[in-house]
Amino acid sequence: ERFEEAVADCTAAIAADAAYVKAYLRRGTARERAGDLEGALADNEKVADELEVGHAGAAAAVARLRPAVERKREEMKDEMMGKLK
């Protein structure tokens, strides 16, 4: 499974056309599968909030990813606070 390669290909496509919705969606999927939830969330938010407002697939991904990203951020914050004690 070559998620990093897919991310690179989609990033190149986005560089050529910043409004290429399919590239953002595919890169978001590849990032999610590679474990980059923040990147996946950002790509799907870009589609749902700017490029194709209300895109059903992107909106569903945002709804699924946002709580996971927030949990991960809280875990990282707690871990850092624990190290500072």
Protein backbone atom coordinates (compact mmCIF):
# COMPACT_ATOMS: atom_id res chain seq x y z
CA GLU A 1 0.00 0.00 0.00
CA ARG A 2 1.70 3.12 -1.28
CA PHE A 3 -0.04 5.92 0.57
CA GLU A 4 2.97 8.24 0.57
CA GLU A 5 3.23 7.95 -3.19
CA ALA A 6 -0.49 8.68 -3.55
CA VAL A 7 -0.11 11.73 -1.29
CA ALA A 8 2.81 12.98 -3.41
CA ASP A 9 0.89 12.46 -6.66
CA CYS A 10 -2.17 14.28 -5.34
CA THR A 11 -0.02 17.10 -3.99
CA ALA A 12 1.50 17.54 -7.44
CA ALA A 13 -1.97 17.59 -9.00
CA ILE A 14 -3.11 20.22 -6.49
CA ALA A 15 -0.02 22.32 -7.26
CA ALA A 16 -1.08 22.29 -10.91
CA ASP A 17 -4.75 23.03 -10.13
CA ALA A 18 -5.56 24.32 -6.64
CA ALA A 19 -9.29 23.67 -7.19
CA TYR A 20 -8.91 19.97 -8.10
CA VAL A 21 -11.48 18.50 -5.71
CA LYS A 22 -10.80 14.85 -6.57
CA ALA A 23 -7.10 15.30 -5.71
CA TYR A 24 -7.95 16.72 -2.28
CA LEU A 25 -10.38 13.86 -1.61
CA ARG A 26 -7.91 11.18 -2.70
CA ARG A 27 -5.06 12.79 -0.77
CA GLY A 28 -7.30 12.97 2.30
CA THR A 29 -8.06 9.26 2.00
CA ALA A 30 -4.39 8.38 1.54
CA ARG A 31 -3.40 10.55 4.50
CA GLU A 32 -6.04 8.94 6.70
CA ARG A 33 -4.91 5.44 5.78
CA ALA A 34 -1.29 6.43 6.42
CA GLY A 35 -2.23 7.68 9.88
CA ASP A 36 -2.03 11.43 9.16
CA LEU A 37 -5.46 12.29 10.54
CA GLU A 38 -4.76 16.03 10.77
CA GLY A 39 -3.76 16.16 7.11
CA ALA A 40 -6.80 14.12 6.13
CA LEU A 41 -9.04 16.45 8.10
CA ALA A 42 -7.47 19.52 6.47
CA ASP A 43 -7.98 18.14 2.96
CA ASN A 44 -11.61 17.24 3.59
CA GLU A 45 -12.31 20.59 5.27
CA LYS A 46 -10.83 22.35 2.23
CA VAL A 47 -13.34 20.57 0.00
CA ALA A 48 -16.37 20.81 2.31
CA ASP A 49 -15.81 24.42 3.38
CA GLU A 50 -14.28 26.07 0.30
CA LEU A 51 -14.16 24.14 -2.97
CA GLU A 52 -17.50 22.29 -3.02
CA VAL A 53 -19.41 23.57 -0.03
CA GLY A 54 -21.50 20.82 1.47
CA HIS A 55 -19.82 17.97 -0.47
CA ALA A 56 -21.43 14.96 1.21
CA GLY A 57 -18.37 12.70 1.22
CA ALA A 58 -16.05 15.41 2.50
CA ALA A 59 -18.56 16.52 5.14
CA ALA A 60 -18.91 12.93 6.38
CA ALA A 61 -15.13 12.57 6.55
CA VAL A 62 -14.85 15.83 8.52
CA ALA A 63 -17.51 14.63 10.95
CA ARG A 64 -15.62 11.34 11.41
CA LEU A 65 -12.10 12.78 11.56
CA ARG A 66 -12.57 15.90 13.69
CA PRO A 67 -13.32 14.01 16.95
CA ALA A 68 -10.39 11.63 16.31
CA VAL A 69 -8.02 14.56 15.71
CA GLU A 70 -9.26 16.34 18.83
CA ARG A 71 -8.75 13.15 20.90
CA LYS A 72 -5.24 12.77 19.54
CA ARG A 73 -4.42 16.41 20.33
CA GLU A 74 -5.69 15.96 23.90
CA GLU A 75 -3.62 12.80 24.33
CA MET A 76 -0.52 14.61 23.07
CA LYS A 77 -1.21 17.55 25.37
CA ASP A 78 -1.67 15.25 28.37
CA GLU A 79 1.53 13.42 27.49
CA MET A 80 3.48 16.67 27.25
CA MET A 81 2.06 17.94 30.54
CA GLY A 82 3.03 14.65 32.17
CA LYS A 83 6.61 15.04 30.96
CA LEU A 84 6.78 18.55 32.39
CA LYS A 85 5.87 17.38 35.90
